[in-house]
């Protein structure tokens, strides 16, 4: 499954090592407590190009989101934004070096790309949900 491959890929990113592997990356569910992470699917037209033989170039859009401490402490808010800047830089570097999530035998990733900056999405008195949007582009063969 694509979402599982993306989850495994993100869990092993260097920028997450600062959490000493104590983090959990959920799928389509962000826990209410701080320092939690999730990958959420986004609706998008999946097929970019279809070939005569049935093969296709496809895309998969998703959001990486987290709940972080938030408030009047400027340094904390800078740390939150800084994490997403490092996350985007690492995604770009992995893409440039063709280090991609591993998909099933009939699919091959062509690109993983950040499509928005990280930003505070939902803010409460002492926490904020931050998120960044990404897109995975891949080739899918009809062969079994």
N, C-alpha and C. Protein backbone atom coordinates (compact mmCIF):
# COMPACT_ATOMS: atom_id res chain seq x y z
N UNK A 1 0.83 -1.18 0.00
CA UNK A 1 0.00 0.00 0.00
C UNK A 1 0.88 1.25 0.00
N UNK A 2 0.45 2.24 -0.73
CA UNK A 2 1.25 3.47 -0.86
C UNK A 2 1.39 4.17 0.48
N UNK A 3 0.31 4.31 1.22
CA UNK A 3 0.37 5.04 2.49
C UNK A 3 1.32 4.38 3.47
N UNK A 4 1.37 3.06 3.47
CA UNK A 4 2.29 2.33 4.35
C UNK A 4 3.74 2.58 3.94
N UNK A 5 4.00 2.61 2.63
CA UNK A 5 5.35 2.89 2.14
C UNK A 5 5.80 4.30 2.51
N UNK A 6 4.89 5.25 2.39
CA UNK A 6 5.20 6.63 2.75
C UNK A 6 5.46 6.73 4.25
N UNK A 7 4.65 6.07 5.05
CA UNK A 7 4.83 6.08 6.51
C UNK A 7 6.21 5.53 6.88
N UNK A 8 6.59 4.40 6.31
CA UNK A 8 7.90 3.81 6.58
C UNK A 8 9.03 4.75 6.16
N UNK A 9 8.87 5.38 5.03
CA UNK A 9 9.85 6.33 4.51
C UNK A 9 10.03 7.50 5.48
N UNK A 10 8.93 8.10 5.90
CA UNK A 10 8.99 9.26 6.78
C UNK A 10 9.52 8.90 8.16
N UNK A 11 9.12 7.76 8.70
CA UNK A 11 9.59 7.34 10.02
C UNK A 11 11.11 7.24 10.07
N UNK A 12 11.75 7.02 8.94
CA UNK A 12 13.20 6.85 8.90
C UNK A 12 13.96 8.09 8.45
N UNK A 13 13.29 9.22 8.42
CA UNK A 13 13.97 10.46 8.01
C UNK A 13 14.89 10.94 9.12
N UNK A 14 16.03 11.51 8.72
CA UNK A 14 17.03 12.00 9.67
C UNK A 14 16.48 13.08 10.59
N UNK A 15 15.62 13.96 10.08
CA UNK A 15 15.12 15.06 10.90
C UNK A 15 14.24 14.58 12.05
N UNK A 16 13.79 13.34 12.00
CA UNK A 16 13.00 12.78 13.10
C UNK A 16 13.86 12.11 14.15
N UNK A 17 15.16 11.95 13.88
CA UNK A 17 16.05 11.29 14.84
C UNK A 17 16.18 12.07 16.14
N UNK A 18 15.93 13.37 16.11
CA UNK A 18 16.03 14.17 17.33
C UNK A 18 15.02 13.74 18.38
N UNK A 19 14.03 12.95 17.97
CA UNK A 19 13.03 12.45 18.91
C UNK A 19 13.40 11.09 19.48
N UNK A 20 14.61 10.60 19.18
CA UNK A 20 15.12 9.33 19.72
C UNK A 20 14.19 8.15 19.44
N UNK A 21 13.62 8.11 18.26
CA UNK A 21 12.73 7.03 17.85
C UNK A 21 11.55 6.83 18.80
N UNK A 22 11.24 7.84 19.60
CA UNK A 22 10.13 7.73 20.54
C UNK A 22 8.82 8.17 19.90
N UNK A 23 8.87 8.56 18.65
CA UNK A 23 7.65 9.05 18.05
C UNK A 23 6.93 7.95 17.29
N UNK A 24 5.66 8.17 17.14
CA UNK A 24 4.82 7.28 16.36
C UNK A 24 4.20 8.11 15.24
N UNK A 25 4.20 7.57 14.04
CA UNK A 25 3.57 8.25 12.92
C UNK A 25 2.29 7.50 12.59
N UNK A 26 1.17 8.13 12.88
CA UNK A 26 -0.13 7.52 12.61
C UNK A 26 -0.54 7.75 11.16
N UNK A 27 -1.64 7.15 10.77
CA UNK A 27 -2.21 7.34 9.45
C UNK A 27 -3.65 7.81 9.62
N UNK A 28 -3.96 8.97 9.05
CA UNK A 28 -5.29 9.56 9.09
C UNK A 28 -5.85 9.77 10.49
N UNK A 29 -4.97 9.92 11.47
CA UNK A 29 -5.40 10.22 12.84
C UNK A 29 -4.27 10.92 13.58
N UNK A 30 -4.54 12.13 14.05
CA UNK A 30 -3.57 12.88 14.84
C UNK A 30 -4.07 12.92 16.27
N UNK A 31 -3.29 12.34 17.17
CA UNK A 31 -3.67 12.31 18.57
C UNK A 31 -3.74 13.72 19.14
N UNK A 32 -4.54 13.93 20.20
CA UNK A 32 -4.70 15.28 20.75
C UNK A 32 -3.51 15.78 21.58
N UNK A 33 -2.62 14.87 22.03
CA UNK A 33 -1.48 15.30 22.83
C UNK A 33 -0.33 15.79 21.95
N UNK A 34 0.58 16.58 22.54
CA UNK A 34 1.68 17.17 21.78
C UNK A 34 2.70 16.13 21.35
N UNK A 35 3.51 16.52 20.36
CA UNK A 35 4.55 15.69 19.78
C UNK A 35 4.00 14.39 19.21
N UNK A 36 2.87 14.51 18.51
CA UNK A 36 2.30 13.39 17.78
C UNK A 36 2.28 13.74 16.29
N UNK A 37 2.31 12.72 15.44
CA UNK A 37 2.46 12.91 14.00
C UNK A 37 1.51 12.00 13.24
N UNK A 38 1.14 12.43 12.06
CA UNK A 38 0.25 11.63 11.23
C UNK A 38 0.48 11.95 9.75
N UNK A 39 0.15 10.99 8.92
CA UNK A 39 0.12 11.18 7.47
C UNK A 39 -1.34 11.08 7.08
N UNK A 40 -1.82 12.07 6.35
CA UNK A 40 -3.22 12.09 5.95
C UNK A 40 -3.32 12.21 4.44
N UNK A 41 -4.16 11.38 3.87
CA UNK A 41 -4.36 11.39 2.43
C UNK A 41 -5.15 12.63 2.00
N UNK A 42 -4.83 13.12 0.82
CA UNK A 42 -5.56 14.26 0.24
C UNK A 42 -6.22 13.81 -1.06
N UNK A 43 -7.41 14.32 -1.32
CA UNK A 43 -8.05 13.97 -2.60
C UNK A 43 -7.33 14.66 -3.76
N UNK A 44 -7.12 13.90 -4.81
CA UNK A 44 -6.45 14.42 -6.00
C UNK A 44 -6.74 13.48 -7.17
N UNK A 45 -6.72 13.99 -8.37
CA UNK A 45 -6.87 13.14 -9.55
C UNK A 45 -5.65 12.22 -9.60
N UNK A 46 -5.83 10.90 -9.49
CA UNK A 46 -4.67 10.01 -9.38
C UNK A 46 -3.88 9.81 -10.67
N UNK A 47 -4.54 9.81 -11.81
CA UNK A 47 -3.85 9.50 -13.07
C UNK A 47 -3.45 10.79 -13.79
N UNK A 48 -2.15 10.94 -13.99
CA UNK A 48 -1.62 12.08 -14.73
C UNK A 48 -1.53 11.79 -16.23
N UNK A 49 -1.14 10.55 -16.56
CA UNK A 49 -0.97 10.17 -17.97
C UNK A 49 -1.22 8.67 -18.08
N UNK A 50 -1.98 8.27 -19.08
CA UNK A 50 -2.25 6.85 -19.30
C UNK A 50 -1.72 6.46 -20.67
N UNK A 51 -0.98 5.35 -20.71
CA UNK A 51 -0.41 4.86 -21.97
C UNK A 51 -1.35 3.84 -22.61
N UNK A 52 -1.15 3.59 -23.89
CA UNK A 52 -1.99 2.68 -24.66
C UNK A 52 -2.00 1.28 -24.04
N UNK A 53 -0.88 0.83 -23.52
CA UNK A 53 -0.79 -0.53 -22.94
C UNK A 53 -1.39 -0.63 -21.54
N UNK A 54 -1.92 0.48 -21.01
CA UNK A 54 -2.55 0.47 -19.69
C UNK A 54 -1.64 0.96 -18.57
N UNK A 55 -0.34 1.09 -18.83
CA UNK A 55 0.57 1.66 -17.83
C UNK A 55 0.18 3.12 -17.61
N UNK A 56 0.61 3.69 -16.49
CA UNK A 56 0.24 5.07 -16.22
C UNK A 56 1.25 5.78 -15.33
N UNK A 57 1.23 7.09 -15.41
CA UNK A 57 1.95 7.95 -14.47
C UNK A 57 0.88 8.47 -13.52
N UNK A 58 1.11 8.29 -12.22
CA UNK A 58 0.11 8.64 -11.22
C UNK A 58 0.70 9.56 -10.15
N UNK A 59 -0.20 10.12 -9.37
CA UNK A 59 0.23 10.95 -8.24
C UNK A 59 -0.59 10.60 -7.00
N UNK A 60 0.03 10.83 -5.87
CA UNK A 60 -0.61 10.56 -4.58
C UNK A 60 -0.27 11.75 -3.69
N UNK A 61 -1.28 12.49 -3.28
CA UNK A 61 -1.07 13.67 -2.45
C UNK A 61 -1.35 13.34 -0.98
N UNK A 62 -0.52 13.90 -0.11
CA UNK A 62 -0.71 13.64 1.32
C UNK A 62 -0.17 14.80 2.14
N UNK A 63 -0.56 14.80 3.39
CA UNK A 63 -0.13 15.82 4.35
C UNK A 63 0.63 15.12 5.46
N UNK A 64 1.75 15.69 5.85
CA UNK A 64 2.44 15.27 7.07
C UNK A 64 2.06 16.32 8.11
N UNK A 65 1.50 15.89 9.22
CA UNK A 65 0.98 16.83 10.22
C UNK A 65 1.45 16.45 11.62
N UNK A 66 1.52 17.43 12.49
CA UNK A 66 1.94 17.19 13.88
C UNK A 66 1.20 18.12 14.82
N UNK A 67 1.15 17.72 16.07
CA UNK A 67 0.64 18.61 17.11
C UNK A 67 1.83 18.97 17.99
N UNK A 68 2.05 20.28 18.14
CA UNK A 68 3.22 20.78 18.86
C UNK A 68 2.81 21.78 19.92
N UNK A 69 3.67 21.98 20.94
CA UNK A 69 3.42 23.06 21.90
C UNK A 69 3.38 24.39 21.15
N UNK A 70 2.54 25.30 21.63
CA UNK A 70 2.36 26.58 20.93
C UNK A 70 1.91 27.63 21.94
N UNK A 71 2.31 28.84 21.71
CA UNK A 71 1.85 29.92 22.59
C UNK A 71 2.71 31.15 22.41
N UNK A 72 2.87 31.89 23.50
CA UNK A 72 3.60 33.17 23.43
C UNK A 72 5.11 32.98 23.42
N UNK A 73 5.60 31.76 23.65
CA UNK A 73 7.04 31.49 23.64
C UNK A 73 7.55 31.48 22.20
N UNK A 74 8.16 32.57 21.80
CA UNK A 74 8.62 32.74 20.42
C UNK A 74 9.61 31.65 20.03
N UNK A 75 10.50 31.27 20.93
CA UNK A 75 11.51 30.25 20.61
C UNK A 75 10.85 28.91 20.30
N UNK A 76 9.80 28.54 21.03
CA UNK A 76 9.09 27.29 20.76
C UNK A 76 8.46 27.34 19.37
N UNK A 77 7.85 28.45 19.03
CA UNK A 77 7.19 28.57 17.73
C UNK A 77 8.21 28.58 16.59
N UNK A 78 9.38 29.17 16.84
CA UNK A 78 10.46 29.13 15.85
C UNK A 78 10.95 27.69 15.67
N UNK A 79 11.09 26.93 16.78
CA UNK A 79 11.48 25.52 16.69
C UNK A 79 10.49 24.73 15.85
N UNK A 80 9.20 24.96 16.07
CA UNK A 80 8.16 24.26 15.30
C UNK A 80 8.32 24.53 13.81
N UNK A 81 8.46 25.80 13.46
CA UNK A 81 8.63 26.16 12.05
C UNK A 81 9.95 25.63 11.49
N UNK A 82 11.00 25.68 12.32
CA UNK A 82 12.31 25.19 11.90
C UNK A 82 12.30 23.71 11.58
N UNK A 83 11.54 22.93 12.35
CA UNK A 83 11.43 21.50 12.07
C UNK A 83 10.87 21.28 10.67
N UNK A 84 9.82 22.01 10.31
CA UNK A 84 9.22 21.82 9.00
C UNK A 84 10.12 22.30 7.87
N UNK A 85 10.96 23.27 8.15
CA UNK A 85 11.94 23.70 7.15
C UNK A 85 12.97 22.58 6.93
N UNK A 86 13.44 21.96 8.03
CA UNK A 86 14.38 20.83 7.91
C UNK A 86 13.72 19.65 7.20
N UNK A 87 12.46 19.39 7.52
CA UNK A 87 11.71 18.31 6.89
C UNK A 87 11.66 18.53 5.37
N UNK A 88 11.30 19.74 4.94
CA UNK A 88 11.21 20.05 3.51
C UNK A 88 12.57 19.92 2.83
N UNK A 89 13.62 20.39 3.49
CA UNK A 89 14.98 20.28 2.93
C UNK A 89 15.37 18.82 2.75
N UNK A 90 15.03 17.99 3.73
CA UNK A 90 15.40 16.57 3.63
C UNK A 90 14.62 15.87 2.52
N UNK A 91 13.34 16.19 2.38
CA UNK A 91 12.55 15.62 1.28
C UNK A 91 13.17 16.02 -0.06
N UNK A 92 13.53 17.29 -0.21
CA UNK A 92 14.15 17.76 -1.45
C UNK A 92 15.47 17.04 -1.72
N UNK A 93 16.28 16.87 -0.69
CA UNK A 93 17.55 16.17 -0.84
C UNK A 93 17.34 14.71 -1.24
N UNK A 94 16.40 14.04 -0.59
CA UNK A 94 16.12 12.64 -0.92
C UNK A 94 15.62 12.53 -2.36
N UNK A 95 14.78 13.47 -2.78
CA UNK A 95 14.28 13.46 -4.15
C UNK A 95 15.44 13.64 -5.13
N UNK A 96 16.31 14.61 -4.86
CA UNK A 96 17.45 14.87 -5.73
C UNK A 96 18.37 13.66 -5.85
N UNK A 97 18.46 12.88 -4.76
CA UNK A 97 19.32 11.69 -4.74
C UNK A 97 18.57 10.40 -5.06
N UNK A 98 17.32 10.56 -5.49
CA UNK A 98 16.46 9.44 -5.87
C UNK A 98 16.33 8.40 -4.76
N UNK A 99 16.18 8.89 -3.54
CA UNK A 99 15.89 8.03 -2.39
C UNK A 99 14.40 8.18 -2.14
N UNK A 100 13.64 7.13 -2.48
CA UNK A 100 12.18 7.21 -2.49
C UNK A 100 11.55 6.12 -1.62
N UNK A 101 10.27 6.30 -1.30
CA UNK A 101 9.54 5.19 -0.68
C UNK A 101 9.54 4.00 -1.64
N UNK A 102 9.54 2.81 -1.08
CA UNK A 102 9.53 1.59 -1.89
C UNK A 102 8.09 1.14 -2.07
N UNK A 103 7.65 1.07 -3.33
CA UNK A 103 6.29 0.64 -3.63
C UNK A 103 6.29 -0.83 -4.06
N UNK A 104 5.12 -1.37 -4.40
CA UNK A 104 5.05 -2.78 -4.80
C UNK A 104 5.75 -2.99 -6.14
N UNK A 105 5.81 -4.23 -6.58
CA UNK A 105 6.57 -4.60 -7.79
C UNK A 105 6.10 -3.92 -9.06
N UNK A 106 4.83 -3.51 -9.13
CA UNK A 106 4.31 -2.93 -10.36
C UNK A 106 4.39 -1.41 -10.38
N UNK A 107 4.96 -0.80 -9.34
CA UNK A 107 5.02 0.66 -9.26
C UNK A 107 6.43 1.13 -8.92
N UNK A 108 6.79 2.27 -9.47
CA UNK A 108 8.12 2.83 -9.23
C UNK A 108 7.99 4.35 -9.04
N UNK A 109 8.49 4.83 -7.91
CA UNK A 109 8.43 6.25 -7.62
C UNK A 109 9.33 7.02 -8.57
N UNK A 110 8.84 8.14 -9.06
CA UNK A 110 9.61 9.02 -9.93
C UNK A 110 10.00 10.32 -9.22
N UNK A 111 9.16 10.72 -8.21
CA UNK A 111 9.42 11.99 -7.54
C UNK A 111 8.63 12.05 -6.24
N UNK A 112 9.24 12.63 -5.22
CA UNK A 112 8.52 13.02 -4.01
C UNK A 112 8.83 14.49 -3.80
N UNK A 113 7.79 15.26 -3.60
CA UNK A 113 7.94 16.71 -3.65
C UNK A 113 7.08 17.38 -2.58
N UNK A 114 7.64 18.39 -1.94
CA UNK A 114 6.89 19.23 -1.01
C UNK A 114 6.12 20.24 -1.85
N UNK A 115 4.80 20.39 -1.60
CA UNK A 115 3.98 21.29 -2.40
C UNK A 115 3.48 22.50 -1.60
N UNK A 116 3.84 22.58 -0.33
CA UNK A 116 3.54 23.78 0.47
C UNK A 116 4.61 23.89 1.55
N UNK A 117 4.73 25.06 2.11
CA UNK A 117 5.60 25.21 3.27
C UNK A 117 4.87 24.65 4.48
N UNK A 118 5.61 24.39 5.56
CA UNK A 118 4.97 23.98 6.80
C UNK A 118 4.28 25.18 7.42
N UNK A 119 3.11 24.96 7.99
CA UNK A 119 2.36 26.07 8.56
C UNK A 119 1.46 25.59 9.69
N UNK A 120 1.13 26.51 10.62
CA UNK A 120 0.19 26.21 11.69
C UNK A 120 -1.20 26.19 11.08
N UNK A 121 -1.88 25.09 11.25
CA UNK A 121 -3.18 24.87 10.61
C UNK A 121 -4.33 25.12 11.59
N UNK A 122 -4.25 24.54 12.74
CA UNK A 122 -5.28 24.70 13.76
C UNK A 122 -4.59 25.03 15.08
N UNK A 123 -4.97 26.15 15.68
CA UNK A 123 -4.29 26.64 16.87
C UNK A 123 -5.26 26.67 18.04
N UNK A 124 -4.80 26.15 19.18
CA UNK A 124 -5.57 26.28 20.42
C UNK A 124 -4.73 27.11 21.39
N UNK A 125 -5.14 27.16 22.62
CA UNK A 125 -4.45 28.00 23.60
C UNK A 125 -3.00 27.60 23.81
N UNK A 126 -2.72 26.28 23.83
CA UNK A 126 -1.34 25.86 24.13
C UNK A 126 -0.76 24.85 23.15
N UNK A 127 -1.50 24.50 22.10
CA UNK A 127 -0.97 23.61 21.07
C UNK A 127 -1.38 24.13 19.69
N UNK A 128 -0.65 23.66 18.69
CA UNK A 128 -0.99 23.98 17.29
C UNK A 128 -0.78 22.73 16.45
N UNK A 129 -1.65 22.58 15.47
CA UNK A 129 -1.46 21.51 14.49
C UNK A 129 -0.72 22.14 13.31
N UNK A 130 0.48 21.65 13.06
CA UNK A 130 1.27 22.10 11.92
C UNK A 130 1.15 21.06 10.82
N UNK A 131 1.27 21.50 9.58
CA UNK A 131 1.24 20.53 8.49
C UNK A 131 2.02 21.05 7.29
N UNK A 132 2.37 20.09 6.45
CA UNK A 132 3.07 20.38 5.20
C UNK A 132 2.50 19.41 4.16
N UNK A 133 2.29 19.91 2.96
CA UNK A 133 1.68 19.09 1.91
C UNK A 133 2.75 18.56 0.97
N UNK A 134 2.55 17.31 0.54
CA UNK A 134 3.50 16.65 -0.35
C UNK A 134 2.77 15.90 -1.46
N UNK A 135 3.55 15.55 -2.48
CA UNK A 135 3.02 14.76 -3.58
C UNK A 135 4.04 13.72 -4.01
N UNK A 136 3.57 12.50 -4.19
CA UNK A 136 4.37 11.40 -4.69
C UNK A 136 3.93 11.14 -6.12
N UNK A 137 4.87 11.14 -7.04
CA UNK A 137 4.57 10.84 -8.45
C UNK A 137 5.22 9.50 -8.77
N UNK A 138 4.45 8.61 -9.42
CA UNK A 138 4.99 7.28 -9.67
C UNK A 138 4.45 6.68 -10.97
N UNK A 139 5.21 5.71 -11.47
CA UNK A 139 4.86 4.96 -12.67
C UNK A 139 4.23 3.65 -12.21
N UNK A 140 3.08 3.30 -12.80
CA UNK A 140 2.41 2.04 -12.45
C UNK A 140 2.23 1.20 -13.71
N UNK A 141 2.77 0.00 -13.65
CA UNK A 141 2.68 -0.93 -14.77
C UNK A 141 1.45 -1.82 -14.60
N UNK A 142 0.80 -2.16 -15.71
CA UNK A 142 -0.35 -3.06 -15.68
C UNK A 142 0.08 -4.52 -15.55
N UNK A 143 1.36 -4.80 -15.76
CA UNK A 143 1.84 -6.19 -15.67
C UNK A 143 1.69 -6.73 -14.25
N UNK A 144 1.41 -7.98 -14.13
CA UNK A 144 1.28 -8.61 -12.82
C UNK A 144 2.50 -9.34 -12.41
